């Protein structure tokens, strides 16, 4: 396999010369990441917005997710509400709620506005 090939290439006595890569022949492979994470498994010490950013990749699905009204709600982007707005939003018992046409997510004592998400198989952006 690949390890045997690398061992052969770097074996003693082999002469290796560097060659500039031709850009038009270059390929790219996306980094493999943990592609999904159910929000209910996150700890209060974790950064919700940071995890959503780290877990987002446009080629992967379902990203950071939960269920809302029995449908997959996959969160692509959030923004934390400023402290003064945090106090104005009524604390509800649900983790995810809709107010004035926007979705919000309550992660422990912080409230985030959901900026971009998949719901019922469609992409939405606020």
PDB file of N, CA and C in Angstrom:
ATOM      1  N   UNK A   1       0.805  -1.176   0.000  1.00  0.00           N
ATOM      2  CA  UNK A   1       0.000   0.000   0.000  1.00  0.00           C
ATOM      3  C   UNK A   1       0.859   1.255   0.000  1.00  0.00           C
ATOM      4  N   UNK A   2       0.284   2.327   0.431  1.00  0.00           N
ATOM      5  CA  UNK A   2       0.944   3.634   0.438  1.00  0.00           C
ATOM      6  C   UNK A   2       2.152   3.650   1.367  1.00  0.00           C
ATOM      7  N   UNK A   3       2.042   2.981   2.516  1.00  0.00           N
ATOM      8  CA  UNK A   3       3.168   2.983   3.461  1.00  0.00           C
ATOM      9  C   UNK A   3       4.387   2.271   2.862  1.00  0.00           C
ATOM     10  N   UNK A   4       4.145   1.183   2.132  1.00  0.00           N
ATOM     11  CA  UNK A   4       5.253   0.476   1.488  1.00  0.00           C
ATOM     12  C   UNK A   4       5.917   1.352   0.431  1.00  0.00           C
ATOM     13  N   UNK A   5       5.112   2.086  -0.330  1.00  0.00           N
ATOM     14  CA  UNK A   5       5.638   2.982  -1.351  1.00  0.00           C
ATOM     15  C   UNK A   5       6.492   4.080  -0.714  1.00  0.00           C
ATOM     16  N   UNK A   6       6.005   4.663   0.385  1.00  0.00           N
ATOM     17  CA  UNK A   6       6.776   5.706   1.071  1.00  0.00           C
ATOM     18  C   UNK A   6       8.073   5.148   1.633  1.00  0.00           C
ATOM     19  N   UNK A   7       8.017   3.953   2.213  1.00  0.00           N
ATOM     20  CA  UNK A   7       9.238   3.320   2.729  1.00  0.00           C
ATOM     21  C   UNK A   7      10.252   3.119   1.603  1.00  0.00           C
ATOM     22  N   UNK A   8       9.769   2.725   0.445  1.00  0.00           N
ATOM     23  CA  UNK A   8      10.652   2.509  -0.699  1.00  0.00           C
ATOM     24  C   UNK A   8      11.256   3.832  -1.169  1.00  0.00           C
ATOM     25  N   UNK A   9      10.444   4.861  -1.265  1.00  0.00           N
ATOM     26  CA  UNK A   9      10.912   6.166  -1.738  1.00  0.00           C
ATOM     27  C   UNK A   9      11.980   6.739  -0.811  1.00  0.00           C
ATOM     28  N   UNK A  10      11.796   6.572   0.487  1.00  0.00           N
ATOM     29  CA  UNK A  10      12.724   7.162   1.458  1.00  0.00           C
ATOM     30  C   UNK A  10      13.770   6.177   1.972  1.00  0.00           C
ATOM     31  N   UNK A  11      13.940   5.062   1.291  1.00  0.00           N
ATOM     32  CA  UNK A  11      14.949   4.096   1.732  1.00  0.00           C
ATOM     33  C   UNK A  11      16.351   4.653   1.468  1.00  0.00           C
ATOM     34  N   UNK A  12      17.352   4.208   2.265  1.00  0.00           N
ATOM     35  CA  UNK A  12      18.714   4.709   2.087  1.00  0.00           C
ATOM     36  C   UNK A  12      19.221   4.445   0.667  1.00  0.00           C
ATOM     37  N   UNK A  13      19.937   5.405   0.135  1.00  0.00           N
ATOM     38  CA  UNK A  13      20.515   5.258  -1.188  1.00  0.00           C
ATOM     39  C   UNK A  13      19.632   5.787  -2.311  1.00  0.00           C
ATOM     40  N   UNK A  14      18.372   6.029  -2.030  1.00  0.00           N
ATOM     41  CA  UNK A  14      17.486   6.578  -3.066  1.00  0.00           C
ATOM     42  C   UNK A  14      17.798   8.045  -3.253  1.00  0.00           C
ATOM     43  N   UNK A  15      17.837   8.488  -4.473  1.00  0.00           N
ATOM     44  CA  UNK A  15      18.061   9.896  -4.763  1.00  0.00           C
ATOM     45  C   UNK A  15      16.723  10.505  -5.174  1.00  0.00           C
ATOM     46  N   UNK A  16      16.340  11.527  -4.421  1.00  0.00           N
ATOM     47  CA  UNK A  16      15.061  12.190  -4.680  1.00  0.00           C
ATOM     48  C   UNK A  16      15.346  13.620  -5.088  1.00  0.00           C
ATOM     49  N   UNK A  17      14.750  14.037  -6.179  1.00  0.00           N
ATOM     50  CA  UNK A  17      14.904  15.432  -6.591  1.00  0.00           C
ATOM     51  C   UNK A  17      13.531  16.102  -6.574  1.00  0.00           C
ATOM     52  N   UNK A  18      13.524  17.354  -6.165  1.00  0.00           N
ATOM     53  CA  UNK A  18      12.274  18.093  -6.099  1.00  0.00           C
ATOM     54  C   UNK A  18      11.914  18.614  -7.485  1.00  0.00           C
ATOM     55  N   UNK A  19      10.629  18.585  -7.778  1.00  0.00           N
ATOM     56  CA  UNK A  19      10.107  19.072  -9.047  1.00  0.00           C
ATOM     57  C   UNK A  19       8.956  20.009  -8.730  1.00  0.00           C
ATOM     58  N   UNK A  20       8.938  21.154  -9.386  1.00  0.00           N
ATOM     59  CA  UNK A  20       7.820  22.067  -9.186  1.00  0.00           C
ATOM     60  C   UNK A  20       6.536  21.436  -9.713  1.00  0.00           C
ATOM     61  N   UNK A  21       5.479  21.602  -8.933  1.00  0.00           N
ATOM     62  CA  UNK A  21       4.192  21.049  -9.330  1.00  0.00           C
ATOM     63  C   UNK A  21       3.535  21.942 -10.372  1.00  0.00           C
ATOM     64  N   UNK A  22       3.001  21.338 -11.399  1.00  0.00           N
ATOM     65  CA  UNK A  22       2.267  22.097 -12.403  1.00  0.00           C
ATOM     66  C   UNK A  22       0.852  22.313 -11.867  1.00  0.00           C
ATOM     67  N   UNK A  23       0.475  23.583 -11.678  1.00  0.00           N
ATOM     68  CA  UNK A  23      -0.797  23.907 -11.027  1.00  0.00           C
ATOM     69  C   UNK A  23      -2.003  23.284 -11.724  1.00  0.00           C
ATOM     70  N   UNK A  24      -1.987  23.221 -13.048  1.00  0.00           N
ATOM     71  CA  UNK A  24      -3.140  22.677 -13.765  1.00  0.00           C
ATOM     72  C   UNK A  24      -3.294  21.162 -13.553  1.00  0.00           C
ATOM     73  N   UNK A  25      -2.258  20.519 -13.023  1.00  0.00           N
ATOM     74  CA  UNK A  25      -2.337  19.086 -12.743  1.00  0.00           C
ATOM     75  C   UNK A  25      -2.612  18.796 -11.260  1.00  0.00           C
ATOM     76  N   UNK A  26      -2.690  19.847 -10.473  1.00  0.00           N
ATOM     77  CA  UNK A  26      -2.884  19.668  -9.036  1.00  0.00           C
ATOM     78  C   UNK A  26      -4.302  19.206  -8.729  1.00  0.00           C
ATOM     79  N   UNK A  27      -4.422  18.402  -7.702  1.00  0.00           N
ATOM     80  CA  UNK A  27      -5.734  17.968  -7.225  1.00  0.00           C
ATOM     81  C   UNK A  27      -5.858  18.354  -5.763  1.00  0.00           C
ATOM     82  N   UNK A  28      -7.061  18.301  -5.256  1.00  0.00           N
ATOM     83  CA  UNK A  28      -7.304  18.679  -3.870  1.00  0.00           C
ATOM     84  C   UNK A  28      -8.218  17.662  -3.227  1.00  0.00           C
ATOM     85  N   UNK A  29      -7.921  17.317  -2.007  1.00  0.00           N
ATOM     86  CA  UNK A  29      -8.769  16.417  -1.235  1.00  0.00           C
ATOM     87  C   UNK A  29      -9.174  17.150   0.029  1.00  0.00           C
ATOM     88  N   UNK A  30     -10.466  17.241   0.291  1.00  0.00           N
ATOM     89  CA  UNK A  30     -10.935  17.894   1.504  1.00  0.00           C
ATOM     90  C   UNK A  30     -10.457  17.147   2.736  1.00  0.00           C
ATOM     91  N   UNK A  31     -10.129  17.902   3.764  1.00  0.00           N
ATOM     92  CA  UNK A  31      -9.708  17.320   5.029  1.00  0.00           C
ATOM     93  C   UNK A  31     -10.878  16.555   5.634  1.00  0.00           C
ATOM     94  N   UNK A  32     -10.614  15.384   6.141  1.00  0.00           N
ATOM     95  CA  UNK A  32     -11.668  14.597   6.767  1.00  0.00           C
ATOM     96  C   UNK A  32     -11.890  15.142   8.170  1.00  0.00           C
ATOM     97  N   UNK A  33     -13.130  15.511   8.455  1.00  0.00           N
ATOM     98  CA  UNK A  33     -13.477  16.024   9.775  1.00  0.00           C
ATOM     99  C   UNK A  33     -14.658  15.234  10.312  1.00  0.00           C
ATOM    100  N   UNK A  34     -14.932  15.414  11.579  1.00  0.00           N
ATOM    101  CA  UNK A  34     -16.134  14.810  12.128  1.00  0.00           C
ATOM    102  C   UNK A  34     -17.301  15.565  11.522  1.00  0.00           C
ATOM    103  N   UNK A  35     -18.011  14.921  10.640  1.00  0.00           N
ATOM    104  CA  UNK A  35     -18.958  15.622   9.777  1.00  0.00           C
ATOM    105  C   UNK A  35     -20.262  15.990  10.446  1.00  0.00           C
ATOM    106  N   UNK A  36     -20.552  15.419  11.571  1.00  0.00           N
ATOM    107  CA  UNK A  36     -21.831  15.726  12.180  1.00  0.00           C
ATOM    108  C   UNK A  36     -21.735  15.635  13.691  1.00  0.00           C
ATOM    109  N   UNK A  37     -22.622  16.314  14.318  1.00  0.00           N
ATOM    110  CA  UNK A  37     -22.643  16.273  15.779  1.00  0.00           C
ATOM    111  C   UNK A  37     -24.023  16.663  16.245  1.00  0.00           C
ATOM    112  N   UNK A  38     -24.667  15.802  16.998  1.00  0.00           N
ATOM    113  CA  UNK A  38     -25.960  16.142  17.550  1.00  0.00           C
ATOM    114  C   UNK A  38     -25.740  17.090  18.715  1.00  0.00           C
ATOM    115  N   UNK A  39     -26.439  18.185  18.695  1.00  0.00           N
ATOM    116  CA  UNK A  39     -26.237  19.241  19.680  1.00  0.00           C
ATOM    117  C   UNK A  39     -26.490  18.745  21.097  1.00  0.00           C
ATOM    118  N   UNK A  40     -27.412  17.821  21.251  1.00  0.00           N
ATOM    119  CA  UNK A  40     -27.735  17.313  22.585  1.00  0.00           C
ATOM    120  C   UNK A  40     -26.555  16.612  23.257  1.00  0.00           C
ATOM    121  N   UNK A  41     -25.529  16.267  22.498  1.00  0.00           N
ATOM    122  CA  UNK A  41     -24.372  15.592  23.085  1.00  0.00           C
ATOM    123  C   UNK A  41     -23.284  16.570  23.519  1.00  0.00           C
ATOM    124  N   UNK A  42     -23.501  17.868  23.283  1.00  0.00           N
ATOM    125  CA  UNK A  42     -22.472  18.855  23.622  1.00  0.00           C
ATOM    126  C   UNK A  42     -22.522  19.214  25.101  1.00  0.00           C
ATOM    127  N   UNK A  43     -21.376  19.533  25.644  1.00  0.00           N
ATOM    128  CA  UNK A  43     -21.256  19.910  27.047  1.00  0.00           C
ATOM    129  C   UNK A  43     -21.378  21.427  27.198  1.00  0.00           C
ATOM    130  N   UNK A  44     -21.777  21.910  28.373  1.00  0.00           N
ATOM    131  CA  UNK A  44     -21.916  23.364  28.563  1.00  0.00           C
ATOM    132  C   UNK A  44     -20.602  24.117  28.445  1.00  0.00           C
ATOM    133  N   UNK A  45     -19.487  23.430  28.599  1.00  0.00           N
ATOM    134  CA  UNK A  45     -18.178  24.088  28.513  1.00  0.00           C
ATOM    135  C   UNK A  45     -17.709  24.263  27.076  1.00  0.00           C
ATOM    136  N   UNK A  46     -18.400  23.630  26.123  1.00  0.00           N
ATOM    137  CA  UNK A  46     -17.996  23.737  24.729  1.00  0.00           C
ATOM    138  C   UNK A  46     -18.521  25.020  24.110  1.00  0.00           C
ATOM    139  N   UNK A  47     -17.820  25.512  23.121  1.00  0.00           N
ATOM    140  CA  UNK A  47     -18.226  26.716  22.396  1.00  0.00           C
ATOM    141  C   UNK A  47     -19.187  26.317  21.291  1.00  0.00           C
ATOM    142  N   UNK A  48     -20.446  26.722  21.430  1.00  0.00           N
ATOM    143  CA  UNK A  48     -21.451  26.347  20.440  1.00  0.00           C
ATOM    144  C   UNK A  48     -21.144  26.955  19.072  1.00  0.00           C
ATOM    145  N   UNK A  49     -20.931  28.265  19.024  1.00  0.00           N
ATOM    146  CA  UNK A  49     -20.677  28.907  17.728  1.00  0.00           C
ATOM    147  C   UNK A  49     -19.363  28.413  17.138  1.00  0.00           C
ATOM    148  N   UNK A  50     -18.362  28.184  17.975  1.00  0.00           N
ATOM    149  CA  UNK A  50     -17.090  27.662  17.487  1.00  0.00           C
ATOM    150  C   UNK A  50     -17.234  26.268  16.910  1.00  0.00           C
ATOM    151  N   UNK A  51     -18.038  25.452  17.559  1.00  0.00           N
ATOM    152  CA  UNK A  51     -18.221  24.094  17.052  1.00  0.00           C
ATOM    153  C   UNK A  51     -18.983  24.107  15.743  1.00  0.00           C
ATOM    154  N   UNK A  52     -20.005  24.959  15.618  1.00  0.00           N
ATOM    155  CA  UNK A  52     -20.755  25.046  14.360  1.00  0.00           C
ATOM    156  C   UNK A  52     -19.813  25.447  13.230  1.00  0.00           C
ATOM    157  N   UNK A  53     -18.941  26.431  13.483  1.00  0.00           N
ATOM    158  CA  UNK A  53     -17.979  26.854  12.445  1.00  0.00           C
ATOM    159  C   UNK A  53     -17.034  25.727  12.080  1.00  0.00           C
ATOM    160  N   UNK A  54     -16.524  25.014  13.076  1.00  0.00           N
ATOM    161  CA  UNK A  54     -15.565  23.938  12.823  1.00  0.00           C
ATOM    162  C   UNK A  54     -16.220  22.746  12.147  1.00  0.00           C
ATOM    163  N   UNK A  55     -17.502  22.564  12.370  1.00  0.00           N
ATOM    164  CA  UNK A  55     -18.210  21.395  11.868  1.00  0.00           C
ATOM    165  C   UNK A  55     -18.857  21.647  10.518  1.00  0.00           C
ATOM    166  N   UNK A  56     -18.780  22.865  10.012  1.00  0.00           N
ATOM    167  CA  UNK A  56     -19.426  23.189   8.744  1.00  0.00           C
ATOM    168  C   UNK A  56     -18.484  22.910   7.584  1.00  0.00           C
ATOM    169  N   UNK A  57     -18.985  22.233   6.609  1.00  0.00           N
ATOM    170  CA  UNK A  57     -18.291  22.055   5.333  1.00  0.00           C
ATOM    171  C   UNK A  57     -19.390  21.836   4.311  1.00  0.00           C
ATOM    172  N   UNK A  58     -19.396  22.617   3.252  1.00  0.00           N
ATOM    173  CA  UNK A  58     -20.522  22.609   2.322  1.00  0.00           C
ATOM    174  C   UNK A  58     -20.726  21.261   1.634  1.00  0.00           C
ATOM    175  N   UNK A  59     -19.715  20.395   1.660  1.00  0.00           N
ATOM    176  CA  UNK A  59     -19.842  19.098   1.002  1.00  0.00           C
ATOM    177  C   UNK A  59     -20.282  17.993   1.958  1.00  0.00           C
ATOM    178  N   UNK A  60     -20.470  18.326   3.228  1.00  0.00           N
ATOM    179  CA  UNK A  60     -20.856  17.317   4.211  1.00  0.00           C
ATOM    180  C   UNK A  60     -22.262  17.595   4.731  1.00  0.00           C
ATOM    181  N   UNK A  61     -22.937  16.574   5.194  1.00  0.00           N
ATOM    182  CA  UNK A  61     -24.295  16.727   5.717  1.00  0.00           C
ATOM    183  C   UNK A  61     -24.494  15.639   6.746  1.00  0.00           C
ATOM    184  N   UNK A  62     -25.100  15.877   7.873  1.00  0.00           N
ATOM    185  CA  UNK A  62     -25.904  17.036   8.251  1.00  0.00           C
ATOM    186  C   UNK A  62     -25.247  18.043   9.177  1.00  0.00           C
ATOM    187  N   UNK A  63     -23.954  18.159   9.249  1.00  0.00           N
ATOM    188  CA  UNK A  63     -23.293  19.195  10.041  1.00  0.00           C
ATOM    189  C   UNK A  63     -23.690  19.083  11.516  1.00  0.00           C
ATOM    190  N   UNK A  64     -23.878  20.227  12.174  1.00  0.00           N
ATOM    191  CA  UNK A  64     -24.334  20.250  13.566  1.00  0.00           C
ATOM    192  C   UNK A  64     -25.855  20.242  13.512  1.00  0.00           C
ATOM    193  N   UNK A  65     -26.484  19.314  14.200  1.00  0.00           N
ATOM    194  CA  UNK A  65     -27.916  19.172  13.985  1.00  0.00           C
ATOM    195  C   UNK A  65     -28.691  18.886  15.268  1.00  0.00           C
ATOM    196  N   UNK A  66     -30.003  19.086  15.147  1.00  0.00           N
ATOM    197  CA  UNK A  66     -30.958  18.714  16.189  1.00  0.00           C
ATOM    198  C   UNK A  66     -32.264  18.398  15.462  1.00  0.00           C
ATOM    199  N   UNK A  67     -33.307  18.130  16.191  1.00  0.00           N
ATOM    200  CA  UNK A  67     -34.608  17.957  15.557  1.00  0.00           C
ATOM    201  C   UNK A  67     -35.517  19.087  16.003  1.00  0.00           C
ATOM    202  N   UNK A  68     -36.339  19.532  15.085  1.00  0.00           N
ATOM    203  CA  UNK A  68     -37.313  20.583  15.358  1.00  0.00           C
ATOM    204  C   UNK A  68     -38.622  20.164  14.714  1.00  0.00           C
ATOM    205  N   UNK A  69     -39.635  19.988  15.517  1.00  0.00           N
ATOM    206  CA  UNK A  69     -40.943  19.532  15.037  1.00  0.00           C
ATOM    207  C   UNK A  69     -40.813  18.274  14.186  1.00  0.00           C
ATOM    208  N   UNK A  70     -40.055  17.333  14.707  1.00  0.00           N
ATOM    209  CA  UNK A  70     -39.871  16.006  14.118  1.00  0.00           C
ATOM    210  C   UNK A  70     -39.122  16.009  12.786  1.00  0.00           C
ATOM    211  N   UNK A  71     -38.430  17.095  12.457  1.00  0.00           N
ATOM    212  CA  UNK A  71     -37.630  17.156  11.243  1.00  0.00           C
ATOM    213  C   UNK A  71     -36.188  17.504  11.604  1.00  0.00           C
ATOM    214  N   UNK A  72     -35.268  17.028  10.772  1.00  0.00           N
ATOM    215  CA  UNK A  72     -33.859  17.349  10.970  1.00  0.00           C
ATOM    216  C   UNK A  72     -33.644  18.843  10.756  1.00  0.00           C
ATOM    217  N   UNK A  73     -32.987  19.475  11.701  1.00  0.00           N
ATOM    218  CA  UNK A  73     -32.655  20.898  11.610  1.00  0.00           C
ATOM    219  C   UNK A  73     -31.142  20.967  11.676  1.00  0.00           C
ATOM    220  N   UNK A  74     -30.524  21.213  10.535  1.00  0.00           N
ATOM    221  CA  UNK A  74     -29.071  21.170  10.427  1.00  0.00           C
ATOM    222  C   UNK A  74     -28.528  22.595  10.375  1.00  0.00           C
ATOM    223  N   UNK A  75     -27.734  22.966  11.361  1.00  0.00           N
ATOM    224  CA  UNK A  75     -27.274  24.342  11.537  1.00  0.00           C
ATOM    225  C   UNK A  75     -25.922  24.541  10.859  1.00  0.00           C
ATOM    226  N   UNK A  76     -25.866  25.540   9.966  1.00  0.00           N
ATOM    227  CA  UNK A  76     -24.644  25.826   9.230  1.00  0.00           C
ATOM    228  C   UNK A  76     -23.914  27.049   9.769  1.00  0.00           C
ATOM    229  N   UNK A  77     -24.662  28.014  10.312  1.00  0.00           N
ATOM    230  CA  UNK A  77     -24.041  29.253  10.779  1.00  0.00           C
ATOM    231  C   UNK A  77     -24.910  29.881  11.866  1.00  0.00           C
ATOM    232  N   UNK A  78     -24.262  30.403  12.901  1.00  0.00           N
ATOM    233  CA  UNK A  78     -24.972  31.085  13.991  1.00  0.00           C
ATOM    234  C   UNK A  78     -24.212  32.345  14.377  1.00  0.00           C
ATOM    235  N   UNK A  79     -24.922  33.243  15.050  1.00  0.00           N
ATOM    236  CA  UNK A  79     -24.261  34.406  15.650  1.00  0.00           C
ATOM    237  C   UNK A  79     -24.853  34.595  17.044  1.00  0.00           C
ATOM    238  N   UNK A  80     -23.977  34.803  18.000  1.00  0.00           N
ATOM    239  CA  UNK A  80     -24.428  34.985  19.388  1.00  0.00           C
ATOM    240  C   UNK A  80     -25.092  36.352  19.511  1.00  0.00           C
ATOM    241  N   UNK A  81     -26.247  36.379  20.168  1.00  0.00           N
ATOM    242  CA  UNK A  81     -26.911  37.655  20.395  1.00  0.00           C
ATOM    243  C   UNK A  81     -26.104  38.467  21.404  1.00  0.00           C
ATOM    244  N   UNK A  82     -25.975  39.777  21.184  1.00  0.00           N
ATOM    245  CA  UNK A  82     -25.285  40.621  22.167  1.00  0.00           C
ATOM    246  C   UNK A  82     -26.001  40.562  23.520  1.00  0.00           C
ATOM    247  N   UNK A  83     -25.267  40.856  24.591  1.00  0.00           N
ATOM    248  CA  UNK A  83     -25.819  40.746  25.946  1.00  0.00           C
ATOM    249  C   UNK A  83     -27.126  41.500  26.126  1.00  0.00           C
ATOM    250  N   UNK A  84     -27.227  42.731  25.582  1.00  0.00           N
ATOM    251  CA  UNK A  84     -28.449  43.504  25.772  1.00  0.00           C
ATOM    252  C   UNK A  84     -29.646  42.850  25.076  1.00  0.00           C
ATOM    253  N   UNK A  85     -29.415  42.168  23.961  1.00  0.00           N
ATOM    254  CA  UNK A  85     -30.512  41.477  23.270  1.00  0.00           C
ATOM    255  C   UNK A  85     -30.812  40.138  23.930  1.00  0.00           C
ATOM    256  N   UNK A  86     -29.812  39.534  24.573  1.00  0.00           N
ATOM    257  CA  UNK A  86     -30.031  38.272  25.274  1.00  0.00           C
ATOM    258  C   UNK A  86     -31.133  38.441  26.317  1.00  0.00           C
ATOM    259  N   UNK A  87     -31.109  39.559  27.016  1.00  0.00           N
ATOM    260  CA  UNK A  87     -32.082  39.800  28.089  1.00  0.00           C
ATOM    261  C   UNK A  87     -33.485  40.039  27.561  1.00  0.00           C
ATOM    262  N   UNK A  88     -33.602  40.545  26.315  1.00  0.00           N
ATOM    263  CA  UNK A  88     -34.911  40.859  25.748  1.00  0.00           C
ATOM    264  C   UNK A  88     -35.639  39.630  25.216  1.00  0.00           C
ATOM    265  N   UNK A  89     -34.874  38.581  24.891  1.00  0.00           N
ATOM    266  CA  UNK A  89     -35.492  37.365  24.359  1.00  0.00           C
ATOM    267  C   UNK A  89     -35.985  36.527  25.523  1.00  0.00           C
ATOM    268  N   UNK A  90     -37.267  36.230  25.487  1.00  0.00           N
ATOM    269  CA  UNK A  90     -37.865  35.431  26.560  1.00  0.00           C
ATOM    270  C   UNK A  90     -37.227  34.042  26.561  1.00  0.00           C
ATOM    271  N   UNK A  91     -36.791  33.627  27.703  1.00  0.00           N
ATOM    272  CA  UNK A  91     -36.198  32.299  27.821  1.00  0.00           C
ATOM    273  C   UNK A  91     -37.310  31.263  27.735  1.00  0.00           C
ATOM    274  N   UNK A  92     -37.214  30.420  26.744  1.00  0.00           N
ATOM    275  CA  UNK A  92     -38.201  29.361  26.561  1.00  0.00           C
ATOM    276  C   UNK A  92     -37.562  28.033  26.935  1.00  0.00           C
ATOM    277  N   UNK A  93     -38.378  27.042  27.137  1.00  0.00           N
ATOM    278  CA  UNK A  93     -37.864  25.740  27.529  1.00  0.00           C
ATOM    279  C   UNK A  93     -37.282  24.968  26.347  1.00  0.00           C
ATOM    280  N   UNK A  94     -37.709  25.298  25.151  1.00  0.00           N
ATOM    281  CA  UNK A  94     -37.197  24.593  23.971  1.00  0.00           C
ATOM    282  C   UNK A  94     -35.789  25.085  23.643  1.00  0.00           C
ATOM    283  N   UNK A  95     -35.010  24.197  23.075  1.00  0.00           N
ATOM    284  CA  UNK A  95     -33.663  24.602  22.649  1.00  0.00           C
ATOM    285  C   UNK A  95     -33.719  25.479  21.424  1.00  0.00           C
ATOM    286  N   UNK A  96     -34.606  25.139  20.487  1.00  0.00           N
ATOM    287  CA  UNK A  96     -34.706  25.920  19.267  1.00  0.00           C
ATOM    288  C   UNK A  96     -36.103  26.508  19.195  1.00  0.00           C
ATOM    289  N   UNK A  97     -36.178  27.778  18.833  1.00  0.00           N
ATOM    290  CA  UNK A  97     -37.487  28.419  18.750  1.00  0.00           C
ATOM    291  C   UNK A  97     -37.467  29.479  17.660  1.00  0.00           C
ATOM    292  N   UNK A  98     -38.669  29.844  17.215  1.00  0.00           N
ATOM    293  CA  UNK A  98     -38.816  30.807  16.134  1.00  0.00           C
ATOM    294  C   UNK A  98     -39.492  32.054  16.688  1.00  0.00           C
ATOM    295  N   UNK A  99     -38.937  33.215  16.333  1.00  0.00           N
ATOM    296  CA  UNK A  99     -39.501  34.484  16.788  1.00  0.00           C
ATOM    297  C   UNK A  99     -39.307  35.505  15.669  1.00  0.00           C
ATOM    298  N   UNK A 100     -40.392  36.174  15.288  1.00  0.00           N
ATOM    299  CA  UNK A 100     -40.353  37.182  14.220  1.00  0.00           C
ATOM    300  C   UNK A 100     -39.740  36.649  12.927  1.00  0.00           C
ATOM    301  N   UNK A 101     -40.017  35.405  12.617  1.00  0.00           N
ATOM    302  CA  UNK A 101     -39.549  34.814  11.367  1.00  0.00           C
ATOM    303  C   UNK A 101     -38.118  34.298  11.393  1.00  0.00           C
ATOM    304  N   UNK A 102     -37.435  34.414  12.533  1.00  0.00           N
ATOM    305  CA  UNK A 102     -36.056  33.936  12.645  1.00  0.00           C
ATOM    306  C   UNK A 102     -35.985  32.798  13.654  1.00  0.00           C
ATOM    307  N   UNK A 103     -35.064  31.872  13.391  1.00  0.00           N
ATOM    308  CA  UNK A 103     -34.834  30.802  14.350  1.00  0.00           C
ATOM    309  C   UNK A 103     -33.731  31.207  15.310  1.00  0.00           C
ATOM    310  N   UNK A 104     -33.906  30.810  16.555  1.00  0.00           N
ATOM    311  CA  UNK A 104     -32.915  31.039  17.609  1.00  0.00           C
ATOM    312  C   UNK A 104     -32.634  29.715  18.281  1.00  0.00           C
ATOM    313  N   UNK A 105     -31.434  29.609  18.802  1.00  0.00           N
ATOM    314  CA  UNK A 105     -31.040  28.393  19.488  1.00  0.00           C
ATOM    315  C   UNK A 105     -30.526  28.758  20.871  1.00  0.00           C
ATOM    316  N   UNK A 106     -31.052  28.102  21.882  1.00  0.00           N
ATOM    317  CA  UNK A 106     -30.611  28.327  23.258  1.00  0.00           C
ATOM    318  C   UNK A 106     -29.646  27.211  23.623  1.00  0.00           C
ATOM    319  N   UNK A 107     -28.405  27.582  23.869  1.00  0.00           N
ATOM    320  CA  UNK A 107     -27.392  26.614  24.276  1.00  0.00           C
ATOM    321  C   UNK A 107     -26.975  26.970  25.693  1.00  0.00           C
ATOM    322  N   UNK A 108     -27.491  26.218  26.641  1.00  0.00           N
ATOM    323  CA  UNK A 108     -27.348  26.479  28.058  1.00  0.00           C
ATOM    324  C   UNK A 108     -27.821  27.905  28.331  1.00  0.00           C
ATOM    325  N   UNK A 109     -27.047  28.847  28.764  1.00  0.00           N
ATOM    326  CA  UNK A 109     -27.566  30.177  29.089  1.00  0.00           C
ATOM    327  C   UNK A 109     -27.312  31.212  28.001  1.00  0.00           C
ATOM    328  N   UNK A 110     -26.922  30.789  26.829  1.00  0.00           N
ATOM    329  CA  UNK A 110     -26.640  31.700  25.728  1.00  0.00           C
ATOM    330  C   UNK A 110     -27.673  31.506  24.620  1.00  0.00           C
ATOM    331  N   UNK A 111     -27.999  32.602  23.921  1.00  0.00           N
ATOM    332  CA  UNK A 111     -28.942  32.516  22.808  1.00  0.00           C
ATOM    333  C   UNK A 111     -28.223  32.932  21.531  1.00  0.00           C
ATOM    334  N   UNK A 112     -28.398  32.124  20.493  1.00  0.00           N
ATOM    335  CA  UNK A 112     -27.773  32.348  19.199  1.00  0.00           C
ATOM    336  C   UNK A 112     -28.846  32.475  18.130  1.00  0.00           C
ATOM    337  N   UNK A 113     -28.641  33.392  17.222  1.00  0.00           N
ATOM    338  CA  UNK A 113     -29.515  33.499  16.053  1.00  0.00           C
ATOM    339  C   UNK A 113     -28.962  32.542  15.003  1.00  0.00           C
ATOM    340  N   UNK A 114     -29.832  31.728  14.440  1.00  0.00           N
ATOM    341  CA  UNK A 114     -29.420  30.785  13.408  1.00  0.00           C
ATOM    342  C   UNK A 114     -29.429  31.532  12.080  1.00  0.00           C
ATOM    343  N   UNK A 115     -28.253  31.681  11.483  1.00  0.00           N
ATOM    344  CA  UNK A 115     -28.105  32.477  10.261  1.00  0.00           C
ATOM    345  C   UNK A 115     -28.325  31.661   8.986  1.00  0.00           C
ATOM    346  N   UNK A 116     -27.887  30.398   9.010  1.00  0.00           N
ATOM    347  CA  UNK A 116     -27.970  29.561   7.818  1.00  0.00           C
ATOM    348  C   UNK A 116     -28.250  28.142   8.276  1.00  0.00           C
ATOM    349  N   UNK A 117     -29.202  27.478   7.623  1.00  0.00           N
ATOM    350  CA  UNK A 117     -29.596  26.153   8.089  1.00  0.00           C
ATOM    351  C   UNK A 117     -30.325  25.377   6.994  1.00  0.00           C
ATOM    352  N   UNK A 118     -30.361  24.046   7.180  1.00  0.00           N
ATOM    353  CA  UNK A 118     -31.188  23.163   6.373  1.00  0.00           C
ATOM    354  C   UNK A 118     -32.374  22.766   7.230  1.00  0.00           C
ATOM    355  N   UNK A 119     -33.556  22.820   6.644  1.00  0.00           N
ATOM    356  CA  UNK A 119     -34.752  22.357   7.360  1.00  0.00           C
ATOM    357  C   UNK A 119     -35.720  21.791   6.326  1.00  0.00           C
ATOM    358  N   UNK A 120     -36.213  20.609   6.580  1.00  0.00           N
ATOM    359  CA  UNK A 120     -37.097  19.901   5.662  1.00  0.00           C
ATOM    360  C   UNK A 120     -36.470  19.789   4.271  1.00  0.00           C
ATOM    361  N   UNK A 121     -35.156  19.585   4.242  1.00  0.00           N
ATOM    362  CA  UNK A 121     -34.453  19.372   2.985  1.00  0.00           C
ATOM    363  C   UNK A 121     -34.167  20.618   2.177  1.00  0.00           C
ATOM    364  N   UNK A 122     -34.445  21.796   2.716  1.00  0.00           N
ATOM    365  CA  UNK A 122     -34.190  23.040   1.988  1.00  0.00           C
ATOM    366  C   UNK A 122     -33.192  23.904   2.736  1.00  0.00           C
ATOM    367  N   UNK A 123     -32.405  24.661   1.991  1.00  0.00           N
ATOM    368  CA  UNK A 123     -31.410  25.573   2.565  1.00  0.00           C
ATOM    369  C   UNK A 123     -32.041  26.933   2.787  1.00  0.00           C
ATOM    370  N   UNK A 124     -31.841  27.495   3.980  1.00  0.00           N
ATOM    371  CA  UNK A 124     -32.356  28.831   4.316  1.00  0.00           C
ATOM    372  C   UNK A 124     -31.226  29.710   4.819  1.00  0.00           C
ATOM    373  N   UNK A 125     -31.286  30.996   4.498  1.00  0.00           N
ATOM    374  CA  UNK A 125     -30.313  31.978   4.962  1.00  0.00           C
ATOM    375  C   UNK A 125     -31.076  33.179   5.481  1.00  0.00           C
ATOM    376  N   UNK A 126     -30.727  33.634   6.687  1.00  0.00           N
ATOM    377  CA  UNK A 126     -31.347  34.847   7.258  1.00  0.00           C
ATOM    378  C   UNK A 126     -30.508  36.051   6.939  1.00  0.00           C
TER     379      UNK A 126
END
